[in-house]
Amino acid sequence: MNSYCLYCRTGAEDKIVRVLHKRLTEELHEQAEILFPSRIMNQRKRGTWSRVKQPLLPGYVFIYLSEEIPFPTYLLREAGDAYKILKNLDNSLPLKGSDEEYAMWVYRHHGLIRPSRVKFEQGRLVKVIDGPLLDLSGKITKVDRHHKRVYVSFMFGGKKQIINMSIDDLSDGEHE
């Protein structure tokens, strides 16, 4: 399977997913997987915790096609707010290296990154028990236990990206 990353207008991602899914199915008779990655975040308002869905990488949509089918770039004009398919240094379109690893991580989690369960000991992150952080090829750079978040750095698009993701802390009495 080849993965592609489409750069688009922030806020238009859901529309682009719908349009491209329809057009790829019509044109290629192929069920393409098109994902706008989002994350479930723990959020506290007025002392009450809730979970909200937020974009993981605003302005980016991932497209997954079988290896036999090259991405039909002419469909981008029909998608409206799509700017371009990101290219590798050698100008090829299918993602490679760490970019491909990241895209496949998003794919394995069906585009929805839920909070990971972690255990702390004496203020240090000890172990990721389960969840998306378990198989992410990134580095946890900061832990914010008060807001139940970790900051993860990874390489994407040739640049270091930092995203924050929610965690569920099992250290304070919750059971595994």
N, C-alpha and C. Protein backbone atom coordinates (compact mmCIF):
# COMPACT_ATOMS: atom_id res chain seq x y z
N MET A 1 0.85 -1.17 0.00
CA MET A 1 0.00 0.00 0.00
C MET A 1 0.89 1.23 0.00
N ASN A 2 0.52 2.22 -0.81
CA ASN A 2 1.21 3.50 -0.84
C ASN A 2 0.40 4.52 -0.05
N SER A 3 1.11 5.38 0.65
CA SER A 3 0.44 6.45 1.39
C SER A 3 0.89 7.79 0.82
N TYR A 4 -0.05 8.72 0.77
CA TYR A 4 0.20 10.06 0.24
C TYR A 4 -0.28 11.06 1.28
N CYS A 5 0.32 12.24 1.25
CA CYS A 5 -0.11 13.30 2.16
C CYS A 5 -0.52 14.50 1.32
N LEU A 6 -1.75 14.93 1.52
CA LEU A 6 -2.32 16.07 0.81
C LEU A 6 -2.32 17.27 1.74
N TYR A 7 -1.80 18.37 1.26
CA TYR A 7 -1.82 19.62 2.01
C TYR A 7 -3.00 20.43 1.50
N CYS A 8 -3.83 20.92 2.42
CA CYS A 8 -5.06 21.62 2.02
C CYS A 8 -5.35 22.78 2.97
N ARG A 9 -6.40 23.52 2.64
CA ARG A 9 -6.83 24.63 3.48
C ARG A 9 -7.33 24.09 4.82
N THR A 10 -6.84 24.66 5.89
CA THR A 10 -7.29 24.25 7.22
C THR A 10 -8.78 24.53 7.35
N GLY A 11 -9.51 23.53 7.80
CA GLY A 11 -10.96 23.65 7.93
C GLY A 11 -11.72 22.97 6.81
N ALA A 12 -11.03 22.69 5.70
CA ALA A 12 -11.69 22.07 4.54
C ALA A 12 -11.41 20.56 4.48
N GLU A 13 -10.75 20.01 5.49
CA GLU A 13 -10.31 18.62 5.43
C GLU A 13 -11.47 17.64 5.26
N ASP A 14 -12.53 17.79 6.03
CA ASP A 14 -13.66 16.85 5.93
C ASP A 14 -14.29 16.88 4.55
N LYS A 15 -14.44 18.07 3.97
CA LYS A 15 -15.00 18.20 2.62
C LYS A 15 -14.09 17.50 1.61
N ILE A 16 -12.79 17.69 1.73
CA ILE A 16 -11.84 17.08 0.80
C ILE A 16 -11.88 15.57 0.91
N VAL A 17 -11.99 15.05 2.13
CA VAL A 17 -12.09 13.60 2.32
C VAL A 17 -13.31 13.06 1.57
N ARG A 18 -14.46 13.72 1.72
CA ARG A 18 -15.68 13.26 1.03
C ARG A 18 -15.54 13.32 -0.48
N VAL A 19 -15.05 14.45 -1.01
CA VAL A 19 -14.93 14.63 -2.46
C VAL A 19 -13.95 13.63 -3.05
N LEU A 20 -12.77 13.50 -2.44
CA LEU A 20 -11.77 12.58 -2.98
C LEU A 20 -12.21 11.12 -2.89
N HIS A 21 -12.87 10.77 -1.80
CA HIS A 21 -13.34 9.39 -1.66
C HIS A 21 -14.32 9.06 -2.79
N LYS A 22 -15.25 9.97 -3.04
CA LYS A 22 -16.24 9.77 -4.11
C LYS A 22 -15.56 9.69 -5.48
N ARG A 23 -14.67 10.64 -5.76
CA ARG A 23 -14.01 10.69 -7.09
C ARG A 23 -13.06 9.51 -7.30
N LEU A 24 -12.32 9.11 -6.29
CA LEU A 24 -11.42 7.97 -6.45
C LEU A 24 -12.21 6.69 -6.68
N THR A 25 -13.34 6.56 -6.01
CA THR A 25 -14.18 5.38 -6.21
C THR A 25 -14.75 5.37 -7.63
N GLU A 26 -15.20 6.53 -8.11
CA GLU A 26 -15.75 6.63 -9.47
C GLU A 26 -14.69 6.41 -10.54
N GLU A 27 -13.56 7.09 -10.39
CA GLU A 27 -12.50 7.06 -11.41
C GLU A 27 -11.73 5.75 -11.45
N LEU A 28 -11.34 5.26 -10.29
CA LEU A 28 -10.44 4.12 -10.23
C LEU A 28 -11.14 2.82 -9.87
N HIS A 29 -12.41 2.93 -9.52
CA HIS A 29 -13.15 1.75 -9.04
C HIS A 29 -12.37 1.08 -7.92
N GLU A 30 -11.81 1.93 -7.09
CA GLU A 30 -10.94 1.48 -6.00
C GLU A 30 -11.44 2.10 -4.70
N GLN A 31 -11.51 1.31 -3.67
CA GLN A 31 -11.88 1.82 -2.37
C GLN A 31 -10.63 2.38 -1.70
N ALA A 32 -10.42 3.66 -1.86
CA ALA A 32 -9.27 4.32 -1.25
C ALA A 32 -9.61 4.65 0.20
N GLU A 33 -8.63 4.58 1.04
CA GLU A 33 -8.79 5.00 2.43
C GLU A 33 -8.25 6.43 2.51
N ILE A 34 -9.10 7.35 2.93
CA ILE A 34 -8.70 8.75 3.03
C ILE A 34 -9.00 9.19 4.45
N LEU A 35 -7.97 9.66 5.16
CA LEU A 35 -8.12 9.97 6.57
C LEU A 35 -7.66 11.38 6.88
N PHE A 36 -8.48 12.09 7.61
CA PHE A 36 -8.08 13.36 8.22
C PHE A 36 -7.83 13.04 9.69
N PRO A 37 -6.56 12.88 10.09
CA PRO A 37 -6.28 12.41 11.44
C PRO A 37 -6.74 13.39 12.51
N SER A 38 -7.37 12.83 13.52
CA SER A 38 -7.81 13.63 14.66
C SER A 38 -7.42 12.90 15.94
N ARG A 39 -7.55 13.60 17.04
CA ARG A 39 -7.17 13.03 18.33
C ARG A 39 -8.28 13.31 19.34
N ILE A 40 -8.41 12.42 20.27
CA ILE A 40 -9.32 12.62 21.40
C ILE A 40 -8.49 13.18 22.53
N MET A 41 -8.89 14.35 23.02
CA MET A 41 -8.12 15.03 24.05
C MET A 41 -8.92 15.13 25.34
N ASN A 42 -8.24 14.92 26.45
CA ASN A 42 -8.84 15.18 27.76
C ASN A 42 -8.85 16.69 27.96
N GLN A 43 -9.99 17.20 28.38
CA GLN A 43 -10.11 18.63 28.58
C GLN A 43 -10.87 18.90 29.87
N ARG A 44 -10.39 19.85 30.62
CA ARG A 44 -11.06 20.17 31.88
C ARG A 44 -11.65 21.57 31.81
N LYS A 45 -12.95 21.66 32.06
CA LYS A 45 -13.65 22.94 32.12
C LYS A 45 -14.43 22.98 33.41
N ARG A 46 -14.22 24.05 34.15
CA ARG A 46 -14.92 24.25 35.42
C ARG A 46 -14.81 23.02 36.33
N GLY A 47 -13.64 22.42 36.35
CA GLY A 47 -13.38 21.30 37.25
C GLY A 47 -13.87 19.95 36.77
N THR A 48 -14.47 19.87 35.59
CA THR A 48 -15.01 18.61 35.08
C THR A 48 -14.23 18.19 33.84
N TRP A 49 -13.77 16.93 33.85
CA TRP A 49 -13.04 16.39 32.71
C TRP A 49 -14.03 15.89 31.66
N SER A 50 -13.68 16.16 30.40
CA SER A 50 -14.45 15.62 29.27
C SER A 50 -13.46 15.29 28.16
N ARG A 51 -13.95 14.66 27.13
CA ARG A 51 -13.10 14.33 25.98
C ARG A 51 -13.64 15.05 24.75
N VAL A 52 -12.72 15.68 24.01
CA VAL A 52 -13.10 16.41 22.81
C VAL A 52 -12.25 15.91 21.64
N LYS A 53 -12.83 16.00 20.46
CA LYS A 53 -12.12 15.58 19.24
C LYS A 53 -11.51 16.82 18.60
N GLN A 54 -10.21 16.74 18.28
CA GLN A 54 -9.49 17.85 17.66
C GLN A 54 -8.64 17.33 16.50
N PRO A 55 -8.33 18.19 15.54
CA PRO A 55 -7.43 17.78 14.46
C PRO A 55 -6.05 17.43 15.01
N LEU A 56 -5.42 16.41 14.44
CA LEU A 56 -4.07 16.05 14.85
C LEU A 56 -3.05 16.93 14.11
N LEU A 57 -3.20 17.02 12.81
CA LEU A 57 -2.35 17.89 11.98
C LEU A 57 -3.27 18.70 11.06
N PRO A 58 -3.73 19.87 11.51
CA PRO A 58 -4.64 20.66 10.67
C PRO A 58 -4.03 20.94 9.30
N GLY A 59 -4.84 20.78 8.27
CA GLY A 59 -4.38 21.07 6.91
C GLY A 59 -3.76 19.89 6.19
N TYR A 60 -3.76 18.70 6.80
CA TYR A 60 -3.18 17.53 6.16
C TYR A 60 -4.18 16.38 6.12
N VAL A 61 -4.25 15.73 4.97
CA VAL A 61 -5.12 14.57 4.77
C VAL A 61 -4.24 13.46 4.22
N PHE A 62 -4.42 12.23 4.72
CA PHE A 62 -3.65 11.09 4.25
C PHE A 62 -4.51 10.23 3.33
N ILE A 63 -3.90 9.78 2.25
CA ILE A 63 -4.59 8.96 1.26
C ILE A 63 -3.80 7.67 1.11
N TYR A 64 -4.52 6.55 1.12
CA TYR A 64 -3.90 5.23 1.04
C TYR A 64 -4.48 4.49 -0.16
N LEU A 65 -3.60 4.11 -1.09
CA LEU A 65 -4.00 3.39 -2.30
C LEU A 65 -3.13 2.15 -2.47
N SER A 66 -3.65 1.17 -3.18
CA SER A 66 -2.82 -0.01 -3.46
C SER A 66 -1.64 0.42 -4.32
N GLU A 67 -0.55 -0.34 -4.25
CA GLU A 67 0.70 0.03 -4.91
C GLU A 67 0.58 0.08 -6.43
N GLU A 68 -0.37 -0.64 -6.99
CA GLU A 68 -0.50 -0.69 -8.45
C GLU A 68 -1.09 0.60 -9.02
N ILE A 69 -1.70 1.42 -8.18
CA ILE A 69 -2.42 2.60 -8.67
C ILE A 69 -1.66 3.87 -8.29
N PRO A 70 -1.17 4.62 -9.30
CA PRO A 70 -0.54 5.90 -8.99
C PRO A 70 -1.62 6.92 -8.61
N PHE A 71 -1.27 7.87 -7.78
CA PHE A 71 -2.25 8.86 -7.35
C PHE A 71 -2.61 9.77 -8.52
N PRO A 72 -3.90 9.89 -8.84
CA PRO A 72 -4.33 10.76 -9.94
C PRO A 72 -4.37 12.22 -9.50
N THR A 73 -3.29 12.96 -9.72
CA THR A 73 -3.17 14.33 -9.21
C THR A 73 -4.19 15.27 -9.82
N TYR A 74 -4.73 14.94 -10.99
CA TYR A 74 -5.72 15.83 -11.61
C TYR A 74 -6.99 15.95 -10.76
N LEU A 75 -7.22 15.00 -9.86
CA LEU A 75 -8.41 15.07 -9.01
C LEU A 75 -8.31 16.18 -7.96
N LEU A 76 -7.12 16.69 -7.73
CA LEU A 76 -6.95 17.74 -6.73
C LEU A 76 -7.70 19.01 -7.13
N ARG A 77 -7.75 19.30 -8.42
CA ARG A 77 -8.48 20.49 -8.88
C ARG A 77 -9.95 20.39 -8.49
N GLU A 78 -10.51 19.20 -8.55
CA GLU A 78 -11.92 19.00 -8.23
C GLU A 78 -12.18 19.10 -6.73
N ALA A 79 -11.17 18.86 -5.93
CA ALA A 79 -11.34 18.88 -4.48
C ALA A 79 -11.44 20.31 -3.95
N GLY A 80 -11.12 21.29 -4.77
CA GLY A 80 -11.30 22.69 -4.37
C GLY A 80 -10.19 23.24 -3.52
N ASP A 81 -10.24 23.02 -2.23
CA ASP A 81 -9.30 23.63 -1.30
C ASP A 81 -8.01 22.83 -1.10
N ALA A 82 -7.76 21.87 -1.97
CA ALA A 82 -6.52 21.09 -1.90
C ALA A 82 -5.41 21.87 -2.58
N TYR A 83 -4.28 21.98 -1.90
CA TYR A 83 -3.17 22.74 -2.47
C TYR A 83 -2.21 21.86 -3.25
N LYS A 84 -1.73 20.79 -2.62
CA LYS A 84 -0.75 19.94 -3.31
C LYS A 84 -0.56 18.63 -2.55
N ILE A 85 -0.03 17.65 -3.27
CA ILE A 85 0.43 16.41 -2.66
C ILE A 85 1.88 16.64 -2.28
N LEU A 86 2.22 16.34 -1.04
CA LEU A 86 3.60 16.52 -0.62
C LEU A 86 4.50 15.54 -1.35
N LYS A 87 5.68 16.00 -1.74
CA LYS A 87 6.64 15.18 -2.47
C LYS A 87 7.86 14.88 -1.60
N ASN A 88 8.50 13.78 -1.94
CA ASN A 88 9.77 13.43 -1.30
C ASN A 88 10.89 14.24 -1.94
N LEU A 89 12.08 14.16 -1.39
CA LEU A 89 13.22 14.89 -1.94
C LEU A 89 13.51 14.50 -3.38
N ASP A 90 13.20 13.24 -3.76
CA ASP A 90 13.43 12.79 -5.13
C ASP A 90 12.22 13.07 -6.03
N ASN A 91 11.28 13.88 -5.58
CA ASN A 91 10.06 14.28 -6.30
C ASN A 91 9.04 13.17 -6.48
N SER A 92 9.22 12.03 -5.82
CA SER A 92 8.21 10.97 -5.89
C SER A 92 7.07 11.32 -4.92
N LEU A 93 5.88 10.81 -5.22
CA LEU A 93 4.71 11.14 -4.42
C LEU A 93 4.45 10.21 -3.23
N PRO A 94 4.57 8.89 -3.39
CA PRO A 94 4.29 8.04 -2.22
C PRO A 94 5.26 8.36 -1.08
N LEU A 95 4.73 8.47 0.13
CA LEU A 95 5.57 8.80 1.27
C LEU A 95 6.63 7.73 1.50
N LYS A 96 7.76 8.15 2.03
CA LYS A 96 8.88 7.24 2.31
C LYS A 96 9.44 7.53 3.69
N GLY A 97 10.18 6.57 4.21
CA GLY A 97 10.92 6.75 5.46
C GLY A 97 10.04 7.09 6.64
N SER A 98 10.45 8.10 7.42
CA SER A 98 9.71 8.47 8.64
C SER A 98 8.33 9.02 8.31
N ASP A 99 8.18 9.65 7.15
CA ASP A 99 6.86 10.15 6.73
C ASP A 99 5.89 8.99 6.52
N GLU A 100 6.38 7.94 5.86
CA GLU A 100 5.55 6.76 5.63
C GLU A 100 5.23 6.06 6.96
N GLU A 101 6.21 5.98 7.84
CA GLU A 101 5.97 5.37 9.16
C GLU A 101 4.86 6.11 9.90
N TYR A 102 4.92 7.44 9.85
CA TYR A 102 3.89 8.23 10.53
C TYR A 102 2.52 8.01 9.88
N ALA A 103 2.47 8.03 8.56
CA ALA A 103 1.20 7.82 7.85
C ALA A 103 0.63 6.44 8.17
N MET A 104 1.47 5.42 8.26
CA MET A 104 0.99 4.08 8.57
C MET A 104 0.55 3.98 10.04
N TRP A 105 1.17 4.75 10.92
CA TRP A 105 0.73 4.81 12.32
C TRP A 105 -0.68 5.38 12.38
N VAL A 106 -0.93 6.45 11.61
CA VAL A 106 -2.27 7.03 11.54
C VAL A 106 -3.25 6.00 10.99
N TYR A 107 -2.85 5.28 9.95
CA TYR A 107 -3.70 4.26 9.32
C TYR A 107 -4.05 3.13 10.31
N ARG A 108 -3.06 2.66 11.06
CA ARG A 108 -3.30 1.58 12.03
C ARG A 108 -4.33 1.98 13.08
N HIS A 109 -4.42 3.27 13.34
CA HIS A 109 -5.37 3.77 14.35
C HIS A 109 -6.62 4.37 13.69
N HIS A 110 -6.81 4.08 12.40
CA HIS A 110 -8.00 4.49 11.65
C HIS A 110 -8.21 6.00 11.68
N GLY A 111 -7.13 6.76 11.80
CA GLY A 111 -7.21 8.21 11.78
C GLY A 111 -7.68 8.85 13.07
N LEU A 112 -7.97 8.05 14.09
CA LEU A 112 -8.45 8.59 15.37
C LEU A 112 -7.49 8.17 16.47
N ILE A 113 -6.77 9.12 17.02
CA ILE A 113 -5.77 8.85 18.04
C ILE A 113 -6.40 9.09 19.41
N ARG A 114 -6.61 8.01 20.12
CA ARG A 114 -7.22 8.07 21.45
C ARG A 114 -6.13 8.22 22.51
N PRO A 115 -6.50 8.62 23.72
CA PRO A 115 -5.49 8.73 24.79
C PRO A 115 -4.84 7.38 25.08
N SER A 116 -3.56 7.42 25.33
CA SER A 116 -2.82 6.22 25.72
C SER A 116 -2.84 6.11 27.23
N ARG A 117 -2.77 4.88 27.71
CA ARG A 117 -2.70 4.65 29.16
C ARG A 117 -1.24 4.52 29.56
N VAL A 118 -0.85 5.29 30.57
CA VAL A 118 0.54 5.30 31.02
C VAL A 118 0.59 5.15 32.54
N LYS A 119 1.76 4.72 33.04
CA LYS A 119 2.02 4.63 34.48
C LYS A 119 3.20 5.52 34.82
N PHE A 120 3.07 6.27 35.90
CA PHE A 120 4.13 7.13 36.39
C PHE A 120 4.67 6.60 37.70
N GLU A 121 5.91 6.96 37.97
CA GLU A 121 6.51 6.63 39.26
C GLU A 121 7.43 7.78 39.63
N GLN A 122 7.17 8.41 40.75
CA GLN A 122 7.97 9.53 41.25
C GLN A 122 8.15 10.62 40.18
N GLY A 123 7.06 10.97 39.51
CA GLY A 123 7.09 12.06 38.55
C GLY A 123 7.71 11.73 37.20
N ARG A 124 8.13 10.51 36.97
CA ARG A 124 8.73 10.14 35.68
C ARG A 124 7.78 9.25 34.91
N LEU A 125 7.77 9.39 33.60
CA LEU A 125 7.00 8.48 32.77
C LEU A 125 7.73 7.15 32.79
N VAL A 126 7.05 6.12 33.25
CA VAL A 126 7.70 4.82 33.36
C VAL A 126 7.33 3.94 32.19
N LYS A 127 6.04 3.82 31.91
CA LYS A 127 5.66 2.84 30.90
C LYS A 127 4.35 3.23 30.23
N VAL A 128 4.33 3.09 28.91
CA VAL A 128 3.08 3.21 28.16
C VAL A 128 2.45 1.83 28.19
N ILE A 129 1.26 1.73 28.78
CA ILE A 129 0.58 0.44 28.93
C ILE A 129 -0.08 0.02 27.63
N ASP A 130 -0.87 0.91 27.04
CA ASP A 130 -1.47 0.63 25.73
C ASP A 130 -1.92 1.94 25.10
N GLY A 131 -2.32 1.85 23.85
CA GLY A 131 -2.79 3.03 23.12
C GLY A 131 -1.82 3.41 22.02
N PRO A 132 -2.14 4.49 21.31
CA PRO A 132 -1.34 4.90 20.15
C PRO A 132 0.12 5.22 20.45
N LEU A 133 0.43 5.69 21.65
CA LEU A 133 1.83 6.00 21.97
C LEU A 133 2.70 4.75 22.03
N LEU A 134 2.06 3.60 22.22
CA LEU A 134 2.81 2.35 22.34
C LEU A 134 3.61 2.04 21.07
N ASP A 135 3.04 2.37 19.90
CA ASP A 135 3.73 2.04 18.65
C ASP A 135 4.12 3.26 17.82
N LEU A 136 4.17 4.43 18.43
CA LEU A 136 4.59 5.64 17.71
C LEU A 136 6.11 5.74 17.72
N SER A 137 6.69 6.00 16.57
CA SER A 137 8.14 6.22 16.49
C SER A 137 8.42 7.69 16.73
N GLY A 138 8.30 8.10 17.95
CA GLY A 138 8.56 9.48 18.32
C GLY A 138 9.15 9.51 19.71
N LYS A 139 9.44 10.70 20.18
CA LYS A 139 10.06 10.86 21.49
C LYS A 139 9.18 11.76 22.35
N ILE A 140 8.86 11.30 23.54
CA ILE A 140 8.10 12.12 24.48
C ILE A 140 9.06 13.17 25.04
N THR A 141 8.78 14.45 24.76
CA THR A 141 9.68 15.51 25.17
C THR A 141 9.23 16.22 26.43
N LYS A 142 7.93 16.14 26.74
CA LYS A 142 7.42 16.83 27.92
C LYS A 142 6.17 16.10 28.41
N VAL A 143 6.00 16.06 29.71
CA VAL A 143 4.83 15.45 30.32
C VAL A 143 4.12 16.52 31.15
N ASP A 144 2.83 16.67 30.94
CA ASP A 144 2.01 17.60 31.70
C ASP A 144 0.92 16.79 32.39
N ARG A 145 1.22 16.32 33.60
CA ARG A 145 0.26 15.47 34.33
C ARG A 145 -0.99 16.23 34.72
N HIS A 146 -0.84 17.52 35.00
CA HIS A 146 -1.99 18.33 35.40
C HIS A 146 -3.07 18.36 34.31
N HIS A 147 -2.65 18.47 33.05
CA HIS A 147 -3.58 18.51 31.92
C HIS A 147 -3.72 17.15 31.23
N LYS A 148 -3.07 16.12 31.78
CA LYS A 148 -3.11 14.76 31.23
C LYS A 148 -2.66 14.73 29.77
N ARG A 149 -1.48 15.31 29.51
CA ARG A 149 -0.96 15.38 28.15
C ARG A 149 0.54 15.09 28.12
N VAL A 150 0.97 14.59 26.97
CA VAL A 150 2.38 14.46 26.69
C VAL A 150 2.66 15.16 25.37
N TYR A 151 3.87 15.66 25.24
CA TYR A 151 4.30 16.30 24.00
C TYR A 151 5.26 15.34 23.32
N VAL A 152 4.97 15.04 22.06
CA VAL A 152 5.74 14.05 21.32
C VAL A 152 6.37 14.72 20.11
N SER A 153 7.66 14.51 19.92
CA SER A 153 8.33 15.04 18.73
C SER A 153 8.64 13.88 17.78
N PHE A 154 8.50 14.16 16.50
CA PHE A 154 8.77 13.17 15.46
C PHE A 154 9.09 13.92 14.18
N MET A 155 9.66 13.23 13.24
CA MET A 155 10.00 13.84 11.95
C MET A 155 8.85 13.59 10.98
N PHE A 156 8.41 14.65 10.31
CA PHE A 156 7.39 14.53 9.27
C PHE A 156 7.59 15.66 8.27
N GLY A 157 7.61 15.30 7.00
CA GLY A 157 7.82 16.30 5.96
C GLY A 157 9.19 16.94 6.02
N GLY A 158 10.16 16.19 6.54
CA GLY A 158 11.52 16.70 6.64
C GLY A 158 11.73 17.67 7.78
N LYS A 159 10.72 17.86 8.62
CA LYS A 159 10.84 18.80 9.74
C LYS A 159 10.46 18.10 11.04
N LYS A 160 10.99 18.61 12.12
CA LYS A 160 10.62 18.11 13.44
C LYS A 160 9.25 18.68 13.79
N GLN A 161 8.31 17.81 14.07
CA GLN A 161 6.95 18.21 14.46
C GLN A 161 6.77 17.87 15.93
N ILE A 162 6.02 18.68 16.62
CA ILE A 162 5.68 18.39 18.02
C ILE A 162 4.16 18.47 18.14
N ILE A 163 3.58 17.39 18.63
CA ILE A 163 2.14 17.38 18.87
C ILE A 163 1.91 17.02 20.33
N ASN A 164 0.78 17.48 20.87
CA ASN A 164 0.46 17.03 22.21
C ASN A 164 -0.69 16.05 22.12
N MET A 165 -0.63 15.05 22.98
CA MET A 165 -1.62 13.98 22.97
C MET A 165 -2.05 13.70 24.40
N SER A 166 -3.29 13.30 24.54
CA SER A 166 -3.81 12.99 25.87
C SER A 166 -3.34 11.64 26.35
N ILE A 167 -3.26 11.55 27.68
CA ILE A 167 -2.93 10.28 28.33
C ILE A 167 -3.91 10.05 29.47
N ASP A 168 -4.08 8.81 29.82
CA ASP A 168 -4.81 8.44 31.02
C ASP A 168 -3.79 7.89 31.99
N ASP A 169 -3.66 8.56 33.13
CA ASP A 169 -2.66 8.21 34.14
C ASP A 169 -3.20 7.11 35.03
N LEU A 170 -2.56 5.96 35.00
CA LEU A 170 -2.99 4.83 35.82
C LEU A 170 -2.29 4.80 37.18
N SER A 171 -1.45 5.77 37.47
CA SER A 171 -0.68 5.79 38.70
C SER A 171 -1.52 6.18 39.91
N ASP A 172 -2.59 6.94 39.69
CA ASP A 172 -3.35 7.42 40.83
C ASP A 172 -4.57 6.58 41.11
N GLY A 173 -4.36 5.29 41.24
CA GLY A 173 -5.41 4.41 41.72
C GLY A 173 -6.26 3.74 40.66
N GLU A 174 -6.15 4.17 39.40
CA GLU A 174 -6.93 3.49 38.37
C GLU A 174 -6.34 2.11 38.16
N HIS A 175 -7.14 1.16 37.76
CA HIS A 175 -6.63 -0.19 37.54
C HIS A 175 -6.35 -0.42 36.08
N GLU A 176 -5.44 -1.35 35.83
CA GLU A 176 -5.06 -1.67 34.45
C GLU A 176 -6.17 -2.45 33.87
